[in-house]
Amino acid sequence: MLDWTDKHCRFFHRLLTQKTRLYTEMVTTGALLHGDQPRHLDFNSEEHPVALQLGGSEPADLAACAKLAEQWGYDEVNLNCGCPSERVQRGAFGACLMAEPTLVADGVKAMRDAVSIPVTVKHRIGIDKIESYEFVRDFVGQIADAGCEVFIVHARNAWLQGLSPKENREIPPLRYELVHQLKRDFPQLTIVLNGGVKTDDEIAEQLQHVDGVMVGRQAYHEPWQMVDWDRRFFGTPNPAQSREQVESVWLDYLERHVAAGAYHHWTQAMRHALGLWNGQAGSRRWRQIWSDHQYKALPPRAVAELASQSRQGIAAHVAEHQAQTLALRDSQVNEPAS
């Protein structure tokens, strides 16, 4: 989720669910050790529980970055062994690390020795044409021996050559049964399934077989789907009562962002919330106004008023049209036969 799940995105998602665990976009060890640490590591206190996802392979660097994660207050540090992009491969990390389980184990052990927060691993079920269950089983077993207790398993192979990252999320077939088998073979471990799960009922079905489910782009594009997760999956009250309530709190956040003189323009934060009204009358016009560059110089609340008025006007028109259609149908049904 590079360039997607930044701190603004995570704050927005927290308005919809407070119990699910949020993950940062993948941050490379080099960026943390030699770059702008506050820019990469700063997060809102409301985001807890939140995990820092690392990309890297050198055990000493991973340990140093895990220490940073703990110092900044993250609840977990996660090693990415699942990203298939060529850019990541050139850095010798991501999915290509599945071919080097000893190196991954060394990295996990180094991190665990350095911090007290959980160290977890995200990976695929295989790479390229390696489709045997034994490959992923042995990978998990070796990393578990190094002390990792939580594995987030994307239930597709990663093809390191010939497919784009997008194609790697769509073309290699989903094989949920392999992830289920991991849970049966390693009952003491926490196994989280990732890949292709979209509906709440599908989440519930997978939870019959594994300990957790990670949802990525589906949650991003259809954020309102998360609104019932706390009640349904954690047995606690849902934090959001309406889209209007969420939008109001989100506007307060955008205004604080502007007042703080943040290096990102408020539009960089707002892009993560453009799916809030998806499926509702007027949502398309609402998104268009928020995305219109001619309004970029306005304060967020002024743009919100324009977007809300437009959305409500379209919604009222749709409701009136539906009422007229219903009335016409009723008159036709009740019209006496000649």
C-alpha atoms as a PDB file:
ATOM      1  CA  MET A   1       0.000   0.000   0.000  1.00  0.00           C
ATOM      2  CA  LEU A   2       2.812   2.386  -0.874  1.00  0.00           C
ATOM      3  CA  ASP A   3       1.524   5.975  -1.038  1.00  0.00           C
ATOM      4  CA  TRP A   4      -1.855   4.837   0.265  1.00  0.00           C
ATOM      5  CA  THR A   5      -1.970   4.127   3.976  1.00  0.00           C
ATOM      6  CA  ASP A   6      -0.215   7.227   5.257  1.00  0.00           C
ATOM      7  CA  LYS A   7      -1.099   8.782   8.603  1.00  0.00           C
ATOM      8  CA  HIS A   8      -3.998  10.775   7.118  1.00  0.00           C
ATOM      9  CA  CYS A   9      -5.532   7.649   5.642  1.00  0.00           C
ATOM     10  CA  ARG A  10      -5.134   5.827   8.939  1.00  0.00           C
ATOM     11  CA  PHE A  11      -6.746   8.646  10.925  1.00  0.00           C
ATOM     12  CA  PHE A  12      -9.715   8.603   8.556  1.00  0.00           C
ATOM     13  CA  HIS A  13     -10.080   4.841   8.893  1.00  0.00           C
ATOM     14  CA  ARG A  14     -10.005   5.172  12.674  1.00  0.00           C
ATOM     15  CA  LEU A  15     -13.221   7.187  12.458  1.00  0.00           C
ATOM     16  CA  LEU A  16     -14.869   4.030  11.100  1.00  0.00           C
ATOM     17  CA  THR A  17     -13.244   1.308  13.187  1.00  0.00           C
ATOM     18  CA  GLN A  18     -11.235   1.580  16.382  1.00  0.00           C
ATOM     19  CA  LYS A  19     -10.447  -2.072  17.011  1.00  0.00           C
ATOM     20  CA  THR A  20      -8.901  -3.289  13.773  1.00  0.00           C
ATOM     21  CA  ARG A  21      -5.110  -3.075  13.491  1.00  0.00           C
ATOM     22  CA  LEU A  22      -3.806  -0.527  11.001  1.00  0.00           C
ATOM     23  CA  TYR A  23      -0.581  -0.879   9.031  1.00  0.00           C
ATOM     24  CA  THR A  24       1.601   1.842   7.614  1.00  0.00           C
ATOM     25  CA  GLU A  25       2.673   1.876   4.012  1.00  0.00           C
ATOM     26  CA  MET A  26       5.939   0.000   3.592  1.00  0.00           C
ATOM     27  CA  VAL A  27       8.941   2.104   4.639  1.00  0.00           C
ATOM     28  CA  THR A  28      12.446   0.993   3.671  1.00  0.00           C
ATOM     29  CA  THR A  29      15.167   0.709   6.260  1.00  0.00           C
ATOM     30  CA  GLY A  30      17.295   3.062   4.181  1.00  0.00           C
ATOM     31  CA  ALA A  31      14.624   5.759   4.247  1.00  0.00           C
ATOM     32  CA  LEU A  32      14.455   5.558   8.037  1.00  0.00           C
ATOM     33  CA  LEU A  33      18.164   5.359   8.730  1.00  0.00           C
ATOM     34  CA  HIS A  34      19.242   8.007   6.214  1.00  0.00           C
ATOM     35  CA  GLY A  35      16.105  10.035   5.526  1.00  0.00           C
ATOM     36  CA  ASP A  36      13.523  12.204   7.270  1.00  0.00           C
ATOM     37  CA  GLN A  37      12.488  10.055  10.227  1.00  0.00           C
ATOM     38  CA  PRO A  38       9.665  12.287  11.509  1.00  0.00           C
ATOM     39  CA  ARG A  39       8.103  12.415   8.062  1.00  0.00           C
ATOM     40  CA  HIS A  40       8.073   8.609   7.842  1.00  0.00           C
ATOM     41  CA  LEU A  41       7.317   7.756  11.470  1.00  0.00           C
ATOM     42  CA  ASP A  42       5.002  10.450  12.799  1.00  0.00           C
ATOM     43  CA  PHE A  43       1.464   9.281  13.408  1.00  0.00           C
ATOM     44  CA  ASN A  44      -1.671  10.378  15.244  1.00  0.00           C
ATOM     45  CA  SER A  45      -2.281   8.984  18.715  1.00  0.00           C
ATOM     46  CA  GLU A  46      -5.781   7.989  17.610  1.00  0.00           C
ATOM     47  CA  GLU A  47      -4.309   5.412  15.229  1.00  0.00           C
ATOM     48  CA  HIS A  48      -3.497   2.777  17.872  1.00  0.00           C
ATOM     49  CA  PRO A  49      -3.179  -0.131  17.443  1.00  0.00           C
ATOM     50  CA  VAL A  50      -0.849   0.608  14.531  1.00  0.00           C
ATOM     51  CA  ALA A  51       2.034  -1.368  13.027  1.00  0.00           C
ATOM     52  CA  LEU A  52       5.061  -0.059  11.178  1.00  0.00           C
ATOM     53  CA  GLN A  53       5.719  -2.085   8.025  1.00  0.00           C
ATOM     54  CA  LEU A  54       9.391  -2.321   7.062  1.00  0.00           C
ATOM     55  CA  GLY A  55      11.085  -3.171   3.804  1.00  0.00           C
ATOM     56  CA  GLY A  56      14.635  -4.395   4.186  1.00  0.00           C
ATOM     57  CA  SER A  57      16.872  -7.432   4.502  1.00  0.00           C
ATOM     58  CA  GLU A  58      19.985  -6.493   6.470  1.00  0.00           C
ATOM     59  CA  PRO A  59      19.493  -7.764  10.058  1.00  0.00           C
ATOM     60  CA  ALA A  60      21.404  -4.892  11.704  1.00  0.00           C
ATOM     61  CA  ASP A  61      19.403  -2.293   9.774  1.00  0.00           C
ATOM     62  CA  LEU A  62      16.133  -4.042  10.573  1.00  0.00           C
ATOM     63  CA  ALA A  63      17.030  -4.109  14.263  1.00  0.00           C
ATOM     64  CA  ALA A  64      17.863  -0.386  14.240  1.00  0.00           C
ATOM     65  CA  CYS A  65      14.553   0.430  12.525  1.00  0.00           C
ATOM     66  CA  ALA A  66      12.614  -1.810  14.921  1.00  0.00           C
ATOM     67  CA  LYS A  67      14.106   0.225  17.772  1.00  0.00           C
ATOM     68  CA  LEU A  68      12.872   3.385  16.082  1.00  0.00           C
ATOM     69  CA  ALA A  69       9.406   1.870  15.760  1.00  0.00           C
ATOM     70  CA  GLU A  70       9.344   1.105  19.473  1.00  0.00           C
ATOM     71  CA  GLN A  71      10.692   4.531  20.405  1.00  0.00           C
ATOM     72  CA  TRP A  72       8.024   6.256  18.323  1.00  0.00           C
ATOM     73  CA  GLY A  73       5.299   4.224  19.995  1.00  0.00           C
ATOM     74  CA  TYR A  74       4.238   1.709  17.361  1.00  0.00           C
ATOM     75  CA  ASP A  75       2.442  -1.390  18.611  1.00  0.00           C
ATOM     76  CA  GLU A  76       4.093  -3.790  16.148  1.00  0.00           C
ATOM     77  CA  VAL A  77       6.833  -3.932  13.545  1.00  0.00           C
ATOM     78  CA  ASN A  78       6.071  -5.928  10.411  1.00  0.00           C
ATOM     79  CA  LEU A  79       8.612  -7.206   7.870  1.00  0.00           C
ATOM     80  CA  ASN A  80       7.316  -7.201   4.303  1.00  0.00           C
ATOM     81  CA  CYS A  81       8.230 -10.381   2.421  1.00  0.00           C
ATOM     82  CA  GLY A  82       5.340 -10.116  -0.016  1.00  0.00           C
ATOM     83  CA  CYS A  83       5.752  -7.053  -2.249  1.00  0.00           C
ATOM     84  CA  PRO A  84       6.641  -8.191  -5.811  1.00  0.00           C
ATOM     85  CA  SER A  85       7.547  -4.872  -7.459  1.00  0.00           C
ATOM     86  CA  GLU A  86      10.805  -4.667  -9.408  1.00  0.00           C
ATOM     87  CA  ARG A  87      11.805  -1.551  -7.469  1.00  0.00           C
ATOM     88  CA  VAL A  88      11.533  -3.507  -4.231  1.00  0.00           C
ATOM     89  CA  GLN A  89      13.400  -6.471  -5.717  1.00  0.00           C
ATOM     90  CA  ARG A  90      16.280  -4.199  -6.688  1.00  0.00           C
ATOM     91  CA  GLY A  91      16.562  -3.390  -3.011  1.00  0.00           C
ATOM     92  CA  ALA A  92      16.743  -7.132  -2.256  1.00  0.00           C
ATOM     93  CA  PHE A  93      13.636  -7.235  -0.116  1.00  0.00           C
ATOM     94  CA  GLY A  94       9.923  -7.884  -0.440  1.00  0.00           C
ATOM     95  CA  ALA A  95       8.696 -11.140  -1.975  1.00  0.00           C
ATOM     96  CA  CYS A  96      12.141 -12.185  -3.197  1.00  0.00           C
ATOM     97  CA  LEU A  97      13.088 -12.740   0.457  1.00  0.00           C
ATOM     98  CA  MET A  98      10.920 -15.851   0.478  1.00  0.00           C
ATOM     99  CA  ALA A  99      13.786 -17.519  -1.415  1.00  0.00           C
ATOM    100  CA  GLU A 100      16.095 -16.694   1.500  1.00  0.00           C
ATOM    101  CA  PRO A 101      14.339 -17.881   4.669  1.00  0.00           C
ATOM    102  CA  THR A 102      17.603 -18.002   6.636  1.00  0.00           C
ATOM    103  CA  LEU A 103      18.177 -14.307   5.976  1.00  0.00           C
ATOM    104  CA  VAL A 104      14.589 -13.515   6.989  1.00  0.00           C
ATOM    105  CA  ALA A 105      15.006 -15.574  10.157  1.00  0.00           C
ATOM    106  CA  ASP A 106      18.195 -13.679  10.984  1.00  0.00           C
ATOM    107  CA  GLY A 107      16.366 -10.379  10.485  1.00  0.00           C
ATOM    108  CA  VAL A 108      13.455 -11.448  12.659  1.00  0.00           C
ATOM    109  CA  LYS A 109      15.777 -12.624  15.423  1.00  0.00           C
ATOM    110  CA  ALA A 110      17.739  -9.365  15.292  1.00  0.00           C
ATOM    111  CA  MET A 111      14.548  -7.343  15.619  1.00  0.00           C
ATOM    112  CA  ARG A 112      13.181  -9.485  18.410  1.00  0.00           C
ATOM    113  CA  ASP A 113      16.443  -9.127  20.307  1.00  0.00           C
ATOM    114  CA  ALA A 114      16.238  -5.336  19.905  1.00  0.00           C
ATOM    115  CA  VAL A 115      12.629  -4.620  20.924  1.00  0.00           C
ATOM    116  CA  SER A 116       9.826  -5.832  23.162  1.00  0.00           C
ATOM    117  CA  ILE A 117       6.968  -5.090  20.741  1.00  0.00           C
ATOM    118  CA  PRO A 118       5.762  -7.922  18.474  1.00  0.00           C
ATOM    119  CA  VAL A 119       7.723  -8.627  15.290  1.00  0.00           C
ATOM    120  CA  THR A 120       5.534 -10.036  12.513  1.00  0.00           C
ATOM    121  CA  VAL A 121       6.026 -11.107   8.886  1.00  0.00           C
ATOM    122  CA  LYS A 122       3.833 -10.563   5.822  1.00  0.00           C
ATOM    123  CA  HIS A 123       4.478 -12.901   2.884  1.00  0.00           C
ATOM    124  CA  ARG A 124       3.012 -14.797  -0.076  1.00  0.00           C
ATOM    125  CA  ILE A 125       2.246 -18.507  -0.385  1.00  0.00           C
ATOM    126  CA  GLY A 126       5.014 -18.889  -2.959  1.00  0.00           C
ATOM    127  CA  ILE A 127       7.109 -17.186  -5.610  1.00  0.00           C
ATOM    128  CA  ASP A 128       7.111 -17.627  -9.372  1.00  0.00           C
ATOM    129  CA  LYS A 129       6.167 -21.193 -10.334  1.00  0.00           C
ATOM    130  CA  ILE A 130       6.828 -22.670  -6.878  1.00  0.00           C
ATOM    131  CA  GLU A 131       3.337 -23.785  -5.945  1.00  0.00           C
ATOM    132  CA  SER A 132       3.983 -26.584  -3.454  1.00  0.00           C
ATOM    133  CA  TYR A 133       2.550 -26.193   0.015  1.00  0.00           C
ATOM    134  CA  GLU A 134       5.823 -27.468   1.446  1.00  0.00           C
ATOM    135  CA  PHE A 135       7.585 -24.275   0.289  1.00  0.00           C
ATOM    136  CA  VAL A 136       5.437 -21.902   2.349  1.00  0.00           C
ATOM    137  CA  ARG A 137       5.189 -24.402   5.223  1.00  0.00           C
ATOM    138  CA  ASP A 138       8.962 -24.617   5.531  1.00  0.00           C
ATOM    139  CA  PHE A 139       9.300 -20.839   5.211  1.00  0.00           C
ATOM    140  CA  VAL A 140       6.863 -20.260   8.067  1.00  0.00           C
ATOM    141  CA  GLY A 141       8.451 -22.982  10.161  1.00  0.00           C
ATOM    142  CA  GLN A 142      11.941 -21.540   9.860  1.00  0.00           C
ATOM    143  CA  ILE A 143      10.802 -17.981  10.625  1.00  0.00           C
ATOM    144  CA  ALA A 144       8.734 -19.231  13.562  1.00  0.00           C
ATOM    145  CA  ASP A 145      11.846 -20.901  14.962  1.00  0.00           C
ATOM    146  CA  ALA A 146      13.442 -17.434  14.995  1.00  0.00           C
ATOM    147  CA  GLY A 147      10.659 -16.216  17.267  1.00  0.00           C
ATOM    148  CA  CYS A 148       7.992 -14.821  14.938  1.00  0.00           C
ATOM    149  CA  GLU A 149       4.489 -15.690  16.160  1.00  0.00           C
ATOM    150  CA  VAL A 150       2.294 -13.754  13.692  1.00  0.00           C
ATOM    151  CA  PHE A 151       2.200 -14.367   9.933  1.00  0.00           C
ATOM    152  CA  ILE A 152       0.080 -12.374   7.490  1.00  0.00           C
ATOM    153  CA  VAL A 153      -0.266 -14.553   4.403  1.00  0.00           C
ATOM    154  CA  HIS A 154      -1.298 -13.189   1.019  1.00  0.00           C
ATOM    155  CA  ALA A 155      -2.907 -16.272  -0.516  1.00  0.00           C
ATOM    156  CA  ARG A 156      -1.333 -15.816  -3.962  1.00  0.00           C
ATOM    157  CA  ASN A 157       2.071 -16.529  -5.405  1.00  0.00           C
ATOM    158  CA  ALA A 158       4.246 -13.545  -6.266  1.00  0.00           C
ATOM    159  CA  TRP A 159       5.591 -13.685  -9.806  1.00  0.00           C
ATOM    160  CA  LEU A 160       8.893 -11.843  -9.653  1.00  0.00           C
ATOM    161  CA  GLN A 161       9.178 -11.487 -13.421  1.00  0.00           C
ATOM    162  CA  GLY A 162       6.628 -10.656 -16.081  1.00  0.00           C
ATOM    163  CA  LEU A 163       3.808  -9.217 -13.956  1.00  0.00           C
ATOM    164  CA  SER A 164       3.215  -5.731 -12.585  1.00  0.00           C
ATOM    165  CA  PRO A 165       2.317  -5.304  -8.892  1.00  0.00           C
ATOM    166  CA  LYS A 166      -1.317  -4.820  -9.971  1.00  0.00           C
ATOM    167  CA  GLU A 167      -1.264  -8.002 -12.044  1.00  0.00           C
ATOM    168  CA  ASN A 168       0.346  -9.803  -9.110  1.00  0.00           C
ATOM    169  CA  ARG A 169      -2.787  -9.009  -7.112  1.00  0.00           C
ATOM    170  CA  GLU A 170      -5.075 -10.413  -9.785  1.00  0.00           C
ATOM    171  CA  ILE A 171      -3.504 -13.070 -12.035  1.00  0.00           C
ATOM    172  CA  PRO A 172      -1.902 -15.623  -9.684  1.00  0.00           C
ATOM    173  CA  PRO A 173      -4.844 -17.656  -8.353  1.00  0.00           C
ATOM    174  CA  LEU A 174      -6.012 -17.341  -4.778  1.00  0.00           C
ATOM    175  CA  ARG A 175      -5.385 -20.541  -2.796  1.00  0.00           C
ATOM    176  CA  TYR A 176      -7.019 -20.025   0.555  1.00  0.00           C
ATOM    177  CA  GLU A 177      -6.715 -23.704   1.367  1.00  0.00           C
ATOM    178  CA  LEU A 178      -2.938 -23.332   1.769  1.00  0.00           C
ATOM    179  CA  VAL A 179      -3.392 -20.601   4.386  1.00  0.00           C
ATOM    180  CA  HIS A 180      -5.972 -22.742   6.188  1.00  0.00           C
ATOM    181  CA  GLN A 181      -3.502 -25.627   6.175  1.00  0.00           C
ATOM    182  CA  LEU A 182      -0.844 -23.395   7.735  1.00  0.00           C
ATOM    183  CA  LYS A 183      -3.166 -22.751  10.647  1.00  0.00           C
ATOM    184  CA  ARG A 184      -3.797 -26.465  11.060  1.00  0.00           C
ATOM    185  CA  ASP A 185      -0.077 -27.252  10.933  1.00  0.00           C
ATOM    186  CA  PHE A 186       0.919 -24.358  13.215  1.00  0.00           C
ATOM    187  CA  PRO A 187      -1.976 -24.006  15.675  1.00  0.00           C
ATOM    188  CA  GLN A 188       0.251 -22.125  18.124  1.00  0.00           C
ATOM    189  CA  LEU A 189       0.873 -19.316  15.610  1.00  0.00           C
ATOM    190  CA  THR A 190      -1.394 -16.432  14.674  1.00  0.00           C
ATOM    191  CA  ILE A 191      -2.215 -16.814  10.974  1.00  0.00           C
ATOM    192  CA  VAL A 192      -3.864 -13.869   9.205  1.00  0.00           C
ATOM    193  CA  LEU A 193      -5.243 -14.284   5.675  1.00  0.00           C
ATOM    194  CA  ASN A 194      -4.875 -11.578   3.031  1.00  0.00           C
ATOM    195  CA  GLY A 195      -6.022 -11.349  -0.571  1.00  0.00           C
ATOM    196  CA  GLY A 196      -9.336 -11.073  -2.388  1.00  0.00           C
ATOM    197  CA  VAL A 197     -11.619 -10.871   0.646  1.00  0.00           C
ATOM    198  CA  LYS A 198     -14.242  -8.178   0.098  1.00  0.00           C
ATOM    199  CA  THR A 199     -17.487  -8.596   2.027  1.00  0.00           C
ATOM    200  CA  ASP A 200     -18.133  -8.860   5.746  1.00  0.00           C
ATOM    201  CA  ASP A 201     -19.635 -12.296   5.225  1.00  0.00           C
ATOM    202  CA  GLU A 202     -16.433 -13.399   3.458  1.00  0.00           C
ATOM    203  CA  ILE A 203     -14.408 -12.099   6.407  1.00  0.00           C
ATOM    204  CA  ALA A 204     -16.603 -14.047   8.802  1.00  0.00           C
ATOM    205  CA  GLU A 205     -16.207 -17.197   6.694  1.00  0.00           C
ATOM    206  CA  GLN A 206     -12.401 -16.925   6.704  1.00  0.00           C
ATOM    207  CA  LEU A 207     -12.376 -16.385  10.457  1.00  0.00           C
ATOM    208  CA  GLN A 208     -13.706 -19.924  10.766  1.00  0.00           C
ATOM    209  CA  HIS A 209     -10.306 -21.116   9.520  1.00  0.00           C
ATOM    210  CA  VAL A 210      -7.713 -18.490  10.504  1.00  0.00           C
ATOM    211  CA  ASP A 211      -7.089 -15.990  13.290  1.00  0.00           C
ATOM    212  CA  GLY A 212      -7.513 -12.799  11.326  1.00  0.00           C
ATOM    213  CA  VAL A 213      -8.148 -11.216   7.938  1.00  0.00           C
ATOM    214  CA  MET A 214      -6.280  -8.305   6.360  1.00  0.00           C
ATOM    215  CA  VAL A 215      -8.275  -6.151   3.933  1.00  0.00           C
ATOM    216  CA  GLY A 216      -6.420  -3.613   1.806  1.00  0.00           C
ATOM    217  CA  ARG A 217      -7.740  -1.914  -1.304  1.00  0.00           C
ATOM    218  CA  GLN A 218     -11.333  -2.969  -0.705  1.00  0.00           C
ATOM    219  CA  ALA A 219     -11.346  -1.092   2.592  1.00  0.00           C
ATOM    220  CA  TYR A 220      -9.623   1.883   0.984  1.00  0.00           C
ATOM    221  CA  HIS A 221     -12.055   2.224  -1.926  1.00  0.00           C
ATOM    222  CA  GLU A 222     -15.189   1.342   0.070  1.00  0.00           C
ATOM    223  CA  PRO A 223     -14.384   2.733   3.523  1.00  0.00           C
ATOM    224  CA  TRP A 224     -17.968   2.692   4.800  1.00  0.00           C
ATOM    225  CA  GLN A 225     -17.772  -1.099   4.722  1.00  0.00           C
ATOM    226  CA  MET A 226     -15.656  -0.877   7.877  1.00  0.00           C
ATOM    227  CA  VAL A 227     -18.391   0.837   9.846  1.00  0.00           C
ATOM    228  CA  ASP A 228     -19.814  -2.364  11.374  1.00  0.00           C
ATOM    229  CA  TRP A 229     -16.561  -4.223  11.988  1.00  0.00           C
ATOM    230  CA  ASP A 230     -16.173  -3.290  15.650  1.00  0.00           C
ATOM    231  CA  ARG A 231     -19.640  -4.571  16.546  1.00  0.00           C
ATOM    232  CA  ARG A 232     -19.576  -7.648  14.361  1.00  0.00           C
ATOM    233  CA  PHE A 233     -16.033  -8.878  14.897  1.00  0.00           C
ATOM    234  CA  PHE A 234     -15.011  -7.407  18.256  1.00  0.00           C
ATOM    235  CA  GLY A 235     -18.309  -7.113  20.131  1.00  0.00           C
ATOM    236  CA  THR A 236     -17.871  -3.402  20.861  1.00  0.00           C
ATOM    237  CA  PRO A 237     -19.948  -0.372  19.795  1.00  0.00           C
ATOM    238  CA  ASN A 238     -19.252   1.048  16.363  1.00  0.00           C
ATOM    239  CA  PRO A 239     -17.603   4.487  16.543  1.00  0.00           C
ATOM    240  CA  ALA A 240     -19.418   5.982  13.544  1.00  0.00           C
ATOM    241  CA  GLN A 241     -23.140   6.638  13.599  1.00  0.00           C
ATOM    242  CA  SER A 242     -23.496   8.297  10.212  1.00  0.00           C
ATOM    243  CA  ARG A 243     -21.499   9.490   7.236  1.00  0.00           C
ATOM    244  CA  GLU A 244     -22.321  13.066   8.235  1.00  0.00           C
ATOM    245  CA  GLN A 245     -20.741  12.514  11.653  1.00  0.00           C
ATOM    246  CA  VAL A 246     -17.593  11.059  10.113  1.00  0.00           C
ATOM    247  CA  GLU A 247     -17.348  13.903   7.623  1.00  0.00           C
ATOM    248  CA  SER A 248     -17.679  16.479  10.404  1.00  0.00           C
ATOM    249  CA  VAL A 249     -14.845  14.980  12.475  1.00  0.00           C
ATOM    250  CA  TRP A 250     -12.733  14.580   9.346  1.00  0.00           C
ATOM    251  CA  LEU A 251     -13.193  18.279   8.529  1.00  0.00           C
ATOM    252  CA  ASP A 252     -11.959  19.179  12.009  1.00  0.00           C
ATOM    253  CA  TYR A 253      -8.878  17.064  11.285  1.00  0.00           C
ATOM    254  CA  LEU A 254      -8.258  18.792   7.945  1.00  0.00           C
ATOM    255  CA  GLU A 255      -8.523  22.200   9.595  1.00  0.00           C
ATOM    256  CA  ARG A 256      -5.984  21.198  12.258  1.00  0.00           C
ATOM    257  CA  HIS A 257      -3.734  19.969   9.454  1.00  0.00           C
ATOM    258  CA  VAL A 258      -3.922  23.368   7.745  1.00  0.00           C
ATOM    259  CA  ALA A 259      -3.440  25.293  10.991  1.00  0.00           C
ATOM    260  CA  ALA A 260      -0.309  23.283  11.787  1.00  0.00           C
ATOM    261  CA  GLY A 261       1.275  24.419   8.528  1.00  0.00           C
ATOM    262  CA  ALA A 262       1.894  20.808   7.477  1.00  0.00           C
ATOM    263  CA  TYR A 263       4.169  20.138   4.526  1.00  0.00           C
ATOM    264  CA  HIS A 264       1.328  18.361   2.688  1.00  0.00           C
ATOM    265  CA  HIS A 265      -1.568  20.383   1.298  1.00  0.00           C
ATOM    266  CA  TRP A 266      -4.963  19.366   2.708  1.00  0.00           C
ATOM    267  CA  THR A 267      -5.831  17.772  -0.653  1.00  0.00           C
ATOM    268  CA  GLN A 268      -3.154  15.129   0.011  1.00  0.00           C
ATOM    269  CA  ALA A 269      -5.108  14.082   3.093  1.00  0.00           C
ATOM    270  CA  MET A 270      -8.560  14.480   1.551  1.00  0.00           C
ATOM    271  CA  ARG A 271      -7.833  12.018  -1.265  1.00  0.00           C
ATOM    272  CA  HIS A 272      -8.098   9.181   1.248  1.00  0.00           C
ATOM    273  CA  ALA A 273     -11.693  10.093   2.160  1.00  0.00           C
ATOM    274  CA  LEU A 274     -13.146  10.427  -1.336  1.00  0.00           C
ATOM    275  CA  GLY A 275     -14.968   7.090  -1.013  1.00  0.00           C
ATOM    276  CA  LEU A 276     -16.966   8.115   2.072  1.00  0.00           C
ATOM    277  CA  TRP A 277     -20.257   8.626   0.204  1.00  0.00           C
ATOM    278  CA  ASN A 278     -19.818   5.821  -2.336  1.00  0.00           C
ATOM    279  CA  GLY A 279     -23.111   4.197  -3.239  1.00  0.00           C
ATOM    280  CA  GLN A 280     -25.184   7.193  -2.143  1.00  0.00           C
ATOM    281  CA  ALA A 281     -27.043   9.619  -4.384  1.00  0.00           C
ATOM    282  CA  GLY A 282     -24.833  12.578  -5.242  1.00  0.00           C
ATOM    283  CA  SER A 283     -21.582  10.844  -4.263  1.00  0.00           C
ATOM    284  CA  ARG A 284     -20.011  11.302  -7.694  1.00  0.00           C
ATOM    285  CA  ARG A 285     -20.619  15.055  -7.681  1.00  0.00           C
ATOM    286  CA  TRP A 286     -19.345  15.238  -4.070  1.00  0.00           C
ATOM    287  CA  ARG A 287     -16.072  13.588  -5.132  1.00  0.00           C
ATOM    288  CA  GLN A 288     -15.766  15.839  -8.176  1.00  0.00           C
ATOM    289  CA  ILE A 289     -15.975  19.007  -6.114  1.00  0.00           C
ATOM    290  CA  TRP A 290     -13.441  17.790  -3.561  1.00  0.00           C
ATOM    291  CA  SER A 291     -11.098  16.827  -6.425  1.00  0.00           C
ATOM    292  CA  ASP A 292     -11.528  20.043  -8.436  1.00  0.00           C
ATOM    293  CA  HIS A 293      -8.259  21.986  -8.544  1.00  0.00           C
ATOM    294  CA  GLN A 294     -10.087  25.316  -8.781  1.00  0.00           C
ATOM    295  CA  TYR A 295     -11.114  24.870  -5.135  1.00  0.00           C
ATOM    296  CA  LYS A 296      -7.625  23.977  -3.905  1.00  0.00           C
ATOM    297  CA  ALA A 297      -6.997  27.498  -2.597  1.00  0.00           C
ATOM    298  CA  LEU A 298     -10.153  27.449  -0.448  1.00  0.00           C
ATOM    299  CA  PRO A 299     -10.195  26.246   3.157  1.00  0.00           C
ATOM    300  CA  PRO A 300     -11.512  22.685   3.545  1.00  0.00           C
ATOM    301  CA  ARG A 301     -14.779  23.726   5.208  1.00  0.00           C
ATOM    302  CA  ALA A 302     -15.679  26.017   2.317  1.00  0.00           C
ATOM    303  CA  VAL A 303     -15.163  23.173  -0.136  1.00  0.00           C
ATOM    304  CA  ALA A 304     -17.166  20.887   2.147  1.00  0.00           C
ATOM    305  CA  GLU A 305     -20.130  23.244   2.014  1.00  0.00           C
ATOM    306  CA  LEU A 306     -20.066  23.288  -1.784  1.00  0.00           C
ATOM    307  CA  ALA A 307     -19.740  19.505  -1.978  1.00  0.00           C
ATOM    308  CA  SER A 308     -22.453  18.878   0.603  1.00  0.00           C
ATOM    309  CA  GLN A 309     -24.927  21.252  -1.025  1.00  0.00           C
ATOM    310  CA  SER A 310     -24.365  19.631  -4.392  1.00  0.00           C
ATOM    311  CA  ARG A 311     -24.660  16.104  -3.000  1.00  0.00           C
ATOM    312  CA  GLN A 312     -27.823  16.900  -1.048  1.00  0.00           C
ATOM    313  CA  GLY A 313     -29.381  18.605  -4.052  1.00  0.00           C
ATOM    314  CA  ILE A 314     -28.815  15.558  -6.225  1.00  0.00           C
ATOM    315  CA  ALA A 315     -30.008  13.249  -3.451  1.00  0.00           C
ATOM    316  CA  ALA A 316     -33.211  15.296  -3.068  1.00  0.00           C
ATOM    317  CA  HIS A 317     -33.780  15.180  -6.833  1.00  0.00           C
ATOM    318  CA  VAL A 318     -33.306  11.412  -6.871  1.00  0.00           C
ATOM    319  CA  ALA A 319     -35.671  10.987  -3.919  1.00  0.00           C
ATOM    320  CA  GLU A 320     -38.313  13.135  -5.635  1.00  0.00           C
ATOM    321  CA  HIS A 321     -37.963  11.146  -8.847  1.00  0.00           C
ATOM    322  CA  GLN A 322     -38.305   7.875  -6.947  1.00  0.00           C
ATOM    323  CA  ALA A 323     -41.394   9.167  -5.146  1.00  0.00           C
ATOM    324  CA  GLN A 324     -42.978  10.225  -8.430  1.00  0.00           C
ATOM    325  CA  THR A 325     -42.195   6.849  -9.985  1.00  0.00           C
ATOM    326  CA  LEU A 326     -43.709   5.062  -6.993  1.00  0.00           C
ATOM    327  CA  ALA A 327     -46.820   7.233  -7.139  1.00  0.00           C
ATOM    328  CA  LEU A 328     -47.224   6.508 -10.850  1.00  0.00           C
ATOM    329  CA  ARG A 329     -46.940   2.774 -10.221  1.00  0.00           C
ATOM    330  CA  ASP A 330     -49.518   2.981  -7.413  1.00  0.00           C
ATOM    331  CA  SER A 331     -51.936   4.853  -9.673  1.00  0.00           C
ATOM    332  CA  GLN A 332     -51.510   2.229 -12.376  1.00  0.00           C
ATOM    333  CA  VAL A 333     -52.109  -0.587  -9.917  1.00  0.00           C
ATOM    334  CA  ASN A 334     -55.194   1.064  -8.461  1.00  0.00           C
ATOM    335  CA  GLU A 335     -56.650   2.207 -11.777  1.00  0.00           C
ATOM    336  CA  PRO A 336     -59.998   0.437 -12.294  1.00  0.00           C
ATOM    337  CA  ALA A 337     -60.256  -1.820 -15.259  1.00  0.00           C
ATOM    338  CA  SER A 338     -62.350  -0.422 -18.119  1.00  0.00           C
END
